[in-house]
C-alpha atoms as a PDB file:
ATOM      1  CA  MET A   1     -40.647   9.885 -12.151  1.00  0.00           C
ATOM      2  CA  GLU A   2     -44.471  10.454 -11.764  1.00  0.00           C
ATOM      3  CA  THR A   3     -45.864  13.157  -9.943  1.00  0.00           C
ATOM      4  CA  ALA A   4     -44.992  13.108  -6.301  1.00  0.00           C
ATOM      5  CA  HIS A   5     -48.041  11.956  -4.213  1.00  0.00           C
ATOM      6  CA  SER A   6     -48.795  11.542  -0.159  1.00  0.00           C
ATOM      7  CA  GLY A   7     -48.888   8.008   1.989  1.00  0.00           C
ATOM      8  CA  ALA A   8     -49.178   6.985   4.996  1.00  0.00           C
ATOM      9  CA  ALA A   9     -47.368   8.395   8.154  1.00  0.00           C
ATOM     10  CA  GLY A  10     -46.276  11.455   6.165  1.00  0.00           C
ATOM     11  CA  ALA A  11     -44.601   9.595   3.485  1.00  0.00           C
ATOM     12  CA  GLN A  12     -44.375  11.904  -0.092  1.00  0.00           C
ATOM     13  CA  TRP A  13     -43.882   8.943  -2.749  1.00  0.00           C
ATOM     14  CA  ALA A  14     -42.869   9.335  -6.224  1.00  0.00           C
ATOM     15  CA  THR A  15     -42.792   6.140  -8.849  1.00  0.00           C
ATOM     16  CA  LEU A  16     -39.866   5.323 -10.673  1.00  0.00           C
ATOM     17  CA  ALA A  17     -39.784   4.087 -14.163  1.00  0.00           C
ATOM     18  CA  ILE A  18     -36.595   1.959 -12.614  1.00  0.00           C
ATOM     19  CA  GLY A  19     -36.466  -1.840 -12.263  1.00  0.00           C
ATOM     20  CA  GLY A  20     -39.772  -2.525 -13.085  1.00  0.00           C
ATOM     21  CA  GLY A  21     -40.968   0.166 -11.123  1.00  0.00           C
ATOM     22  CA  CYS A  22     -39.921   1.264  -7.942  1.00  0.00           C
ATOM     23  CA  ARG A  23     -41.281   4.298  -5.306  1.00  0.00           C
ATOM     24  CA  VAL A  24     -38.944   6.324  -3.166  1.00  0.00           C
ATOM     25  CA  ASP A  25     -40.123   8.069  -0.337  1.00  0.00           C
ATOM     26  CA  LEU A  26     -38.845  11.979  -1.081  1.00  0.00           C
ATOM     27  CA  ALA A  27     -39.865  13.482   2.269  1.00  0.00           C
ATOM     28  CA  HIS A  28     -37.699  11.250   5.246  1.00  0.00           C
ATOM     29  CA  PRO A  29     -34.184  10.978   3.487  1.00  0.00           C
ATOM     30  CA  HIS A  30     -31.114  10.030   5.790  1.00  0.00           C
ATOM     31  CA  ASP A  31     -28.678  12.587   5.776  1.00  0.00           C
ATOM     32  CA  LEU A  32     -25.022  10.950   6.124  1.00  0.00           C
ATOM     33  CA  SER A  33     -23.211  14.297   6.480  1.00  0.00           C
ATOM     34  CA  LEU A  34     -20.957  14.866   9.433  1.00  0.00           C
ATOM     35  CA  GLY A  35     -21.982  19.033   9.453  1.00  0.00           C
ATOM     36  CA  PHE A  36     -19.230  21.261  10.685  1.00  0.00           C
ATOM     37  CA  ASN A  37     -19.874  22.178  13.836  1.00  0.00           C
ATOM     38  CA  PHE A  38     -17.168  24.340  14.882  1.00  0.00           C
ATOM     39  CA  ASP A  39     -17.100  23.494  18.316  1.00  0.00           C
ATOM     40  CA  GLY A  40     -13.777  21.444  18.369  1.00  0.00           C
ATOM     41  CA  ALA A  41     -15.428  17.970  18.471  1.00  0.00           C
ATOM     42  CA  ASP A  42     -15.526  17.388  14.606  1.00  0.00           C
ATOM     43  CA  PRO A  43     -13.123  14.553  13.164  1.00  0.00           C
ATOM     44  CA  ARG A  44      -9.789  14.984  13.114  1.00  0.00           C
ATOM     45  CA  TRP A  45      -7.758  13.496   9.566  1.00  0.00           C
ATOM     46  CA  PHE A  46      -4.558  14.162   8.817  1.00  0.00           C
ATOM     47  CA  ASP A  47      -2.657  17.290  10.476  1.00  0.00           C
ATOM     48  CA  SER A  48      -5.427  20.424   8.921  1.00  0.00           C
ATOM     49  CA  PRO A  49      -5.980  23.057  11.361  1.00  0.00           C
ATOM     50  CA  ARG A  50      -9.086  22.553  12.913  1.00  0.00           C
ATOM     51  CA  PRO A  51     -12.233  24.275  11.220  1.00  0.00           C
ATOM     52  CA  ARG A  52     -12.807  27.911  12.528  1.00  0.00           C
ATOM     53  CA  CYS A  53     -16.116  30.226  12.366  1.00  0.00           C
ATOM     54  CA  GLU A  54     -15.245  33.946  13.619  1.00  0.00           C
ATOM     55  CA  PRO A  55     -16.984  36.806  14.128  1.00  0.00           C
ATOM     56  CA  LEU A  56     -15.922  39.407  10.772  1.00  0.00           C
ATOM     57  CA  ALA A  57     -14.381  42.857  12.335  1.00  0.00           C
ATOM     58  CA  SER A  58     -14.149  45.575  10.665  1.00  0.00           C
ATOM     59  CA  GLY A  59     -13.491  48.729  12.322  1.00  0.00           C
ATOM     60  CA  ALA A  60     -16.068  49.735  15.050  1.00  0.00           C
ATOM     61  CA  PHE A  61     -18.261  46.094  13.537  1.00  0.00           C
ATOM     62  CA  VAL A  62     -18.312  42.853  15.010  1.00  0.00           C
ATOM     63  CA  GLY A  63     -20.214  40.439  13.677  1.00  0.00           C
ATOM     64  CA  ARG A  64     -21.725  38.947  16.783  1.00  0.00           C
ATOM     65  CA  VAL A  65     -24.745  39.944  18.149  1.00  0.00           C
ATOM     66  CA  ARG A  66     -23.482  38.533  22.074  1.00  0.00           C
ATOM     67  CA  SER A  67     -20.862  40.739  21.320  1.00  0.00           C
ATOM     68  CA  GLY A  68     -22.834  43.686  20.793  1.00  0.00           C
ATOM     69  CA  GLY A  69     -23.145  43.352  17.353  1.00  0.00           C
ATOM     70  CA  SER A  70     -26.103  44.270  15.244  1.00  0.00           C
ATOM     71  CA  CYS A  71     -25.955  41.017  13.184  1.00  0.00           C
ATOM     72  CA  ASN A  72     -24.382  37.446  13.473  1.00  0.00           C
ATOM     73  CA  CYS A  73     -21.806  37.784  10.059  1.00  0.00           C
ATOM     74  CA  SER A  74     -18.796  34.894  10.369  1.00  0.00           C
ATOM     75  CA  THR A  75     -15.936  34.073   8.294  1.00  0.00           C
ATOM     76  CA  LEU A  76     -15.760  30.064   8.168  1.00  0.00           C
ATOM     77  CA  SER A  77     -11.971  28.205   7.368  1.00  0.00           C
ATOM     78  CA  LEU A  78     -11.700  24.444   6.716  1.00  0.00           C
ATOM     79  CA  THR A  79     -10.090  22.332   4.709  1.00  0.00           C
ATOM     80  CA  PRO A  80     -12.746  20.193   2.977  1.00  0.00           C
ATOM     81  CA  HIS A  81     -10.199  16.918   2.150  1.00  0.00           C
ATOM     82  CA  CYS A  82      -9.877  16.707   5.767  1.00  0.00           C
ATOM     83  CA  ASP A  83     -12.719  18.337   7.403  1.00  0.00           C
ATOM     84  CA  GLY A  84     -15.624  16.258   7.535  1.00  0.00           C
ATOM     85  CA  THR A  85     -18.005  14.558   4.721  1.00  0.00           C
ATOM     86  CA  HIS A  86     -16.451  15.850   1.919  1.00  0.00           C
ATOM     87  CA  THR A  87     -17.159  15.428  -2.394  1.00  0.00           C
ATOM     88  CA  GLU A  88     -14.202  14.654  -4.492  1.00  0.00           C
ATOM     89  CA  CYS A  89     -13.420  14.504  -8.329  1.00  0.00           C
ATOM     90  CA  ALA A  90     -10.345  13.444 -10.338  1.00  0.00           C
ATOM     91  CA  GLY A  91      -9.174  16.891 -10.170  1.00  0.00           C
ATOM     92  CA  HIS A  92      -7.368  15.795  -6.710  1.00  0.00           C
ATOM     93  CA  LEU A  93      -4.768  14.043  -8.870  1.00  0.00           C
ATOM     94  CA  THR A  94      -4.522  16.296 -11.683  1.00  0.00           C
ATOM     95  CA  ARG A  95      -2.125  18.828 -12.281  1.00  0.00           C
ATOM     96  CA  GLU A  96      -5.064  21.492 -14.362  1.00  0.00           C
ATOM     97  CA  ARG A  97      -7.793  22.660 -12.150  1.00  0.00           C
ATOM     98  CA  PHE A  98     -10.813  20.668 -12.658  1.00  0.00           C
ATOM     99  CA  ASP A  99     -13.892  21.361  -9.845  1.00  0.00           C
ATOM    100  CA  VAL A 100     -15.905  18.999  -8.314  1.00  0.00           C
ATOM    101  CA  ARG A 101     -19.087  21.448  -9.142  1.00  0.00           C
ATOM    102  CA  GLU A 102     -18.239  20.494 -12.670  1.00  0.00           C
ATOM    103  CA  VAL A 103     -18.936  16.603 -12.433  1.00  0.00           C
ATOM    104  CA  ALA A 104     -21.169  16.603  -9.441  1.00  0.00           C
ATOM    105  CA  PRO A 105     -24.540  15.158 -10.387  1.00  0.00           C
ATOM    106  CA  THR A 106     -27.952  17.512  -9.570  1.00  0.00           C
ATOM    107  CA  ARG A 107     -30.276  14.163 -10.377  1.00  0.00           C
ATOM    108  CA  LEU A 108     -31.145  10.998  -7.950  1.00  0.00           C
ATOM    109  CA  LEU A 109     -28.625   8.479  -8.531  1.00  0.00           C
ATOM    110  CA  PRO A 110     -29.959   4.452  -8.192  1.00  0.00           C
ATOM    111  CA  ALA A 111     -27.639   3.346  -5.336  1.00  0.00           C
ATOM    112  CA  LEU A 112     -26.607   0.798  -3.027  1.00  0.00           C
ATOM    113  CA  LEU A 113     -26.091   0.682   0.983  1.00  0.00           C
ATOM    114  CA  LEU A 114     -23.845  -2.524   2.239  1.00  0.00           C
ATOM    115  CA  SER A 115     -21.837  -2.738   5.141  1.00  0.00           C
ATOM    116  CA  VAL A 116     -19.143  -4.662   5.366  1.00  0.00           C
ATOM    117  CA  THR A 117     -16.275  -5.809   7.925  1.00  0.00           C
ATOM    118  CA  PRO A 118     -12.414  -4.563   6.849  1.00  0.00           C
ATOM    119  CA  SER A 119     -10.043  -7.048   7.009  1.00  0.00           C
ATOM    120  CA  PRO A 120      -6.669  -7.328   8.449  1.00  0.00           C
ATOM    121  CA  ALA A 121      -3.793  -6.835   6.031  1.00  0.00           C
ATOM    122  CA  GLY A 122      -3.423 -10.352   4.146  1.00  0.00           C
ATOM    123  CA  HIS A 123      -6.709 -12.057   5.683  1.00  0.00           C
ATOM    124  CA  ASP A 124      -8.489 -11.678   2.002  1.00  0.00           C
ATOM    125  CA  GLY A 125      -5.134 -12.301  -0.105  1.00  0.00           C
ATOM    126  CA  GLU A 126      -5.692  -8.941  -1.561  1.00  0.00           C
ATOM    127  CA  GLY A 127      -2.973  -5.764  -1.365  1.00  0.00           C
ATOM    128  CA  THR A 128      -2.418  -2.296  -2.077  1.00  0.00           C
ATOM    129  CA  ARG A 129       0.237  -0.397  -3.637  1.00  0.00           C
ATOM    130  CA  PRO A 130       2.169   0.131  -1.731  1.00  0.00           C
ATOM    131  CA  PRO A 131       1.700  -3.242  -0.244  1.00  0.00           C
ATOM    132  CA  PRO A 132      -0.459  -3.114   3.009  1.00  0.00           C
ATOM    133  CA  LEU A 133       1.100  -3.042   6.489  1.00  0.00           C
ATOM    134  CA  GLU A 134       0.815  -4.891   9.766  1.00  0.00           C
ATOM    135  CA  GLY A 135      -2.106  -3.470  11.944  1.00  0.00           C
ATOM    136  CA  ASP A 136      -3.631  -2.342   8.144  1.00  0.00           C
ATOM    137  CA  ARG A 137      -7.405  -2.987   7.618  1.00  0.00           C
ATOM    138  CA  LEU A 138      -8.871  -3.448   3.841  1.00  0.00           C
ATOM    139  CA  ILE A 139     -12.311  -3.120   2.470  1.00  0.00           C
ATOM    140  CA  THR A 140     -11.674  -5.815   0.555  1.00  0.00           C
ATOM    141  CA  ARG A 141     -13.433  -7.232  -3.018  1.00  0.00           C
ATOM    142  CA  SER A 142     -14.327 -10.450  -0.788  1.00  0.00           C
ATOM    143  CA  GLY A 143     -15.627  -8.610   1.788  1.00  0.00           C
ATOM    144  CA  LEU A 144     -17.712  -6.172  -0.989  1.00  0.00           C
ATOM    145  CA  GLU A 145     -18.892  -9.258  -3.133  1.00  0.00           C
ATOM    146  CA  ARG A 146     -20.114 -11.133   0.167  1.00  0.00           C
ATOM    147  CA  ALA A 147     -22.287  -8.078   1.191  1.00  0.00           C
ATOM    148  CA  TRP A 148     -23.733  -7.443  -2.301  1.00  0.00           C
ATOM    149  CA  PRO A 149     -27.114  -8.642  -2.453  1.00  0.00           C
ATOM    150  CA  ALA A 150     -28.446 -11.386  -4.921  1.00  0.00           C
ATOM    151  CA  LEU A 151     -31.650  -9.280  -6.047  1.00  0.00           C
ATOM    152  CA  LEU A 152     -31.632  -5.229  -6.649  1.00  0.00           C
ATOM    153  CA  PRO A 153     -34.746  -3.578  -8.253  1.00  0.00           C
ATOM    154  CA  PHE A 154     -32.196  -1.296 -10.507  1.00  0.00           C
ATOM    155  CA  GLN A 155     -28.104  -1.461 -11.408  1.00  0.00           C
ATOM    156  CA  PRO A 156     -26.978   1.166  -8.775  1.00  0.00           C
ATOM    157  CA  GLU A 157     -24.427   3.802  -9.951  1.00  0.00           C
ATOM    158  CA  ALA A 158     -23.454   4.956  -6.175  1.00  0.00           C
ATOM    159  CA  LEU A 159     -22.570   2.808  -3.677  1.00  0.00           C
ATOM    160  CA  ILE A 160     -22.567   3.549   0.217  1.00  0.00           C
ATOM    161  CA  VAL A 161     -20.160   1.417   2.477  1.00  0.00           C
ATOM    162  CA  ARG A 162     -20.764   1.357   6.065  1.00  0.00           C
ATOM    163  CA  THR A 163     -17.375   0.110   8.118  1.00  0.00           C
ATOM    164  CA  LEU A 164     -17.958  -2.406  10.672  1.00  0.00           C
ATOM    165  CA  PRO A 165     -18.517  -1.912  13.638  1.00  0.00           C
ATOM    166  CA  ASN A 166     -19.809   1.327  13.544  1.00  0.00           C
ATOM    167  CA  PRO A 167     -19.917   3.373  17.177  1.00  0.00           C
ATOM    168  CA  PRO A 168     -21.392   6.629  17.160  1.00  0.00           C
ATOM    169  CA  ALA A 169     -17.970   7.651  18.549  1.00  0.00           C
ATOM    170  CA  LYS A 170     -16.702   7.576  14.933  1.00  0.00           C
ATOM    171  CA  ARG A 171     -18.573  11.044  14.035  1.00  0.00           C
ATOM    172  CA  GLN A 172     -15.721  12.772  16.416  1.00  0.00           C
ATOM    173  CA  ARG A 173     -12.759  10.300  16.018  1.00  0.00           C
ATOM    174  CA  ASP A 174      -9.446  11.532  15.381  1.00  0.00           C
ATOM    175  CA  TYR A 175      -8.109   9.620  13.086  1.00  0.00           C
ATOM    176  CA  ARG A 176      -4.017  10.554  13.455  1.00  0.00           C
ATOM    177  CA  GLY A 177      -3.894   8.462  16.627  1.00  0.00           C
ATOM    178  CA  GLU A 178      -6.698   5.608  15.153  1.00  0.00           C
ATOM    179  CA  PRO A 179      -5.965   4.922  11.704  1.00  0.00           C
ATOM    180  CA  ALA A 180      -9.090   3.684   9.241  1.00  0.00           C
ATOM    181  CA  PRO A 181      -9.878   1.032   6.759  1.00  0.00           C
ATOM    182  CA  PHE A 182      -9.080   1.969   3.545  1.00  0.00           C
ATOM    183  CA  LEU A 183      -9.646  -0.074   0.068  1.00  0.00           C
ATOM    184  CA  SER A 184      -7.526  -2.998  -1.162  1.00  0.00           C
ATOM    185  CA  LEU A 185      -7.054  -2.405  -5.065  1.00  0.00           C
ATOM    186  CA  PRO A 186      -8.703  -5.318  -5.853  1.00  0.00           C
ATOM    187  CA  ALA A 187     -12.160  -3.571  -4.281  1.00  0.00           C
ATOM    188  CA  ALA A 188     -11.027  -0.388  -6.303  1.00  0.00           C
ATOM    189  CA  GLN A 189     -10.894  -2.293  -9.678  1.00  0.00           C
ATOM    190  CA  TRP A 190     -14.097  -4.463  -8.691  1.00  0.00           C
ATOM    191  CA  LEU A 191     -16.335  -1.248  -8.317  1.00  0.00           C
ATOM    192  CA  VAL A 192     -14.935  -0.192 -11.835  1.00  0.00           C
ATOM    193  CA  LYS A 193     -15.951  -3.240 -13.298  1.00  0.00           C
ATOM    194  CA  ARG A 194     -19.592  -3.129 -11.297  1.00  0.00           C
ATOM    195  CA  GLY A 195     -20.002   0.733 -13.351  1.00  0.00           C
ATOM    196  CA  ILE A 196     -20.655   2.133  -9.897  1.00  0.00           C
ATOM    197  CA  GLU A 197     -19.611   6.141 -10.538  1.00  0.00           C
ATOM    198  CA  HIS A 198     -20.316   7.887  -7.007  1.00  0.00           C
ATOM    199  CA  LEU A 199     -18.740   6.045  -4.155  1.00  0.00           C
ATOM    200  CA  VAL A 200     -19.405   7.184  -0.529  1.00  0.00           C
ATOM    201  CA  LEU A 201     -17.362   5.444   2.385  1.00  0.00           C
ATOM    202  CA  ASP A 202     -17.542   6.808   6.103  1.00  0.00           C
ATOM    203  CA  VAL A 203     -13.316   6.481   6.436  1.00  0.00           C
ATOM    204  CA  PRO A 204     -11.451   9.369   5.848  1.00  0.00           C
ATOM    205  CA  SER A 205      -9.855   8.520   2.546  1.00  0.00           C
ATOM    206  CA  ALA A 206     -10.323   5.862   0.032  1.00  0.00           C
ATOM    207  CA  ASP A 207      -6.265   5.154   0.478  1.00  0.00           C
ATOM    208  CA  ARG A 208      -3.794   4.993   3.457  1.00  0.00           C
ATOM    209  CA  ALA A 209      -3.175   8.498   4.781  1.00  0.00           C
ATOM    210  CA  ALA A 210       0.678   7.962   4.603  1.00  0.00           C
ATOM    211  CA  ASP A 211       1.436   5.782   1.043  1.00  0.00           C
ATOM    212  CA  GLY A 212       4.274   7.440  -0.727  1.00  0.00           C
ATOM    213  CA  GLY A 213       1.716   9.085  -2.690  1.00  0.00           C
ATOM    214  CA  LEU A 214       0.640   6.641  -4.690  1.00  0.00           C
ATOM    215  CA  MET A 215      -2.832   6.998  -3.679  1.00  0.00           C
ATOM    216  CA  SER A 216      -3.893   3.915  -5.650  1.00  0.00           C
ATOM    217  CA  ALA A 217      -7.172   2.944  -4.923  1.00  0.00           C
ATOM    218  CA  HIS A 218      -8.063   7.238  -6.009  1.00  0.00           C
ATOM    219  CA  ARG A 219      -6.138   6.625  -9.350  1.00  0.00           C
ATOM    220  CA  GLU A 220      -7.920   3.036 -10.224  1.00  0.00           C
ATOM    221  CA  PHE A 221     -11.332   4.474  -9.335  1.00  0.00           C
ATOM    222  CA  PHE A 222     -10.925   7.679 -11.369  1.00  0.00           C
ATOM    223  CA  GLY A 223      -9.267   5.843 -13.587  1.00  0.00           C
ATOM    224  CA  LEU A 224      -5.672   7.618 -13.889  1.00  0.00           C
ATOM    225  CA  PRO A 225      -2.398   5.822 -14.596  1.00  0.00           C
ATOM    226  CA  ALA A 226      -0.110   5.733 -11.635  1.00  0.00           C
ATOM    227  CA  GLY A 227       2.655   8.355 -12.114  1.00  0.00           C
ATOM    228  CA  GLU A 228       0.172  10.793 -14.362  1.00  0.00           C
ATOM    229  CA  THR A 229      -1.092  14.190 -13.692  1.00  0.00           C
ATOM    230  CA  ALA A 230      -2.707  15.253 -17.485  1.00  0.00           C
ATOM    231  CA  ARG A 231      -6.844  15.615 -17.250  1.00  0.00           C
ATOM    232  CA  ALA A 232      -6.716  14.572 -20.350  1.00  0.00           C
ATOM    233  CA  ALA A 233      -5.796  10.965 -19.359  1.00  0.00           C
ATOM    234  CA  LEU A 234      -8.783  10.080 -16.521  1.00  0.00           C
ATOM    235  CA  ARG A 235     -10.814   7.236 -17.948  1.00  0.00           C
ATOM    236  CA  ARG A 236     -13.517   8.314 -15.732  1.00  0.00           C
ATOM    237  CA  PRO A 237     -13.978  11.804 -15.220  1.00  0.00           C
ATOM    238  CA  GLN A 238     -17.856  11.934 -14.252  1.00  0.00           C
ATOM    239  CA  CYS A 239     -16.844   9.921 -11.213  1.00  0.00           C
ATOM    240  CA  THR A 240     -17.022  11.124  -7.420  1.00  0.00           C
ATOM    241  CA  ILE A 241     -15.566   9.876  -3.490  1.00  0.00           C
ATOM    242  CA  THR A 242     -16.925  11.224  -0.757  1.00  0.00           C
ATOM    243  CA  GLU A 243     -15.093  10.498   2.374  1.00  0.00           C
ATOM    244  CA  LEU A 244     -16.196  11.269   6.174  1.00  0.00           C
ATOM    245  CA  ALA A 245     -19.592  10.123   5.764  1.00  0.00           C
ATOM    246  CA  TYR A 246     -21.741   8.487   8.902  1.00  0.00           C
ATOM    247  CA  ILE A 247     -24.329   5.635   7.994  1.00  0.00           C
ATOM    248  CA  ALA A 248     -26.621   5.258  11.276  1.00  0.00           C
ATOM    249  CA  ASP A 249     -27.519   1.661  12.254  1.00  0.00           C
ATOM    250  CA  ASP A 250     -31.023   1.994  11.984  1.00  0.00           C
ATOM    251  CA  ILE A 251     -30.354   2.859   8.355  1.00  0.00           C
ATOM    252  CA  ALA A 252     -30.842  -0.620   6.686  1.00  0.00           C
ATOM    253  CA  ASP A 253     -28.780  -2.106   4.004  1.00  0.00           C
ATOM    254  CA  GLY A 254     -30.337  -1.985   0.659  1.00  0.00           C
ATOM    255  CA  ALA A 255     -31.596  -0.159  -2.227  1.00  0.00           C
ATOM    256  CA  TYR A 256     -31.722   3.541  -2.137  1.00  0.00           C
ATOM    257  CA  LEU A 257     -31.508   6.850  -4.282  1.00  0.00           C
ATOM    258  CA  LEU A 258     -28.598   9.105  -3.220  1.00  0.00           C
ATOM    259  CA  GLY A 259     -28.439  12.861  -3.745  1.00  0.00           C
ATOM    260  CA  LEU A 260     -24.976  15.013  -3.294  1.00  0.00           C
ATOM    261  CA  GLN A 261     -25.620  18.047  -2.058  1.00  0.00           C
ATOM    262  CA  MET A 262     -22.809  20.380  -2.249  1.00  0.00           C
ATOM    263  CA  PRO A 263     -22.314  24.102  -2.312  1.00  0.00           C
ATOM    264  CA  SER A 264     -21.175  26.091  -6.059  1.00  0.00           C
ATOM    265  CA  LEU A 265     -17.989  26.168  -5.154  1.00  0.00           C
ATOM    266  CA  ALA A 266     -14.573  26.088  -6.968  1.00  0.00           C
ATOM    267  CA  GLY A 267     -12.311  23.175  -5.872  1.00  0.00           C
ATOM    268  CA  ASP A 268     -11.617  19.748  -6.499  1.00  0.00           C
ATOM    269  CA  ALA A 269     -13.052  18.595  -2.807  1.00  0.00           C
ATOM    270  CA  LEU A 270     -15.996  20.526  -1.514  1.00  0.00           C
ATOM    271  CA  PRO A 271     -18.167  20.154   1.964  1.00  0.00           C
ATOM    272  CA  SER A 272     -20.925  17.990   0.603  1.00  0.00           C
ATOM    273  CA  ARG A 273     -24.373  16.440   1.788  1.00  0.00           C
ATOM    274  CA  PRO A 274     -25.201  13.300   0.800  1.00  0.00           C
ATOM    275  CA  LEU A 275     -28.785  12.219   1.551  1.00  0.00           C
ATOM    276  CA  LEU A 276     -30.559   8.319   1.292  1.00  0.00           C
ATOM    277  CA  TYR A 277     -33.968   8.303   0.063  1.00  0.00           C
ATOM    278  CA  PRO A 278     -35.733   5.190   0.726  1.00  0.00           C
ATOM    279  CA  VAL A 279     -36.523   3.103  -2.327  1.00  0.00           C
ATOM    280  CA  GLN A 280     -39.845   0.576  -2.332  1.00  0.00           C
ATOM    281  CA  ARG A 281     -40.944  -1.953  -5.146  1.00  0.00           C
ATOM    282  CA  ALA A 282     -44.110  -0.078  -6.658  1.00  0.00           C
END
């Protein structure tokens, strides 16, 4: 990457030596994260307790200025897999500890954003393990193939999937009462064949919430055979899945660079902030 320089309208461009030459706007990334507001309006998934932000209390000290404290000092409580945008690794499935910070990329990734309309179960002839139920909606291989552009400036390592329709209310959706779409097994297999190593979804999970613990799309993407829990059995340990992102309608489909920001904490999943940087041909 060459040295960045200023462009029109305050854009900060850098020229990339990929795909015959592209440039990326480093000054205006699109934030795909659903941040933790701790106000009760965060999306609900599974039956985890709501995330909490509480002032520290220690003796006479209270960590809230408006309550008379000298400063604000809070204790945060959350469940990364269920609360807001998060990035997970194959440690979600292994008996050995495997932290996502071990494999989370620190560089910018060539990425593709696609919008797809999930299909009713059986519509595209694609299944899942266990078989889809009536009323399930699937992100299918057929839908991804239809949306995939004929020409790209580079081979994407990351894929961002926006499901349609995409109302702003999705940012606070309670998925316990409104089941979310999830990947068909052929879709997960196809992403592996396409070389996608980092997947960003705007749904709570790549699999159905209640699937008997099979988690077949996760296993396919991470390369972990059914029933296996050993880290050594992973064929794609370098991969990540980001879930519960939100991609606003004014972000166009196409080529980007993706940055995955997250804290340096232990855990197979962490709150994350995926950032999309616009790309143009140089």
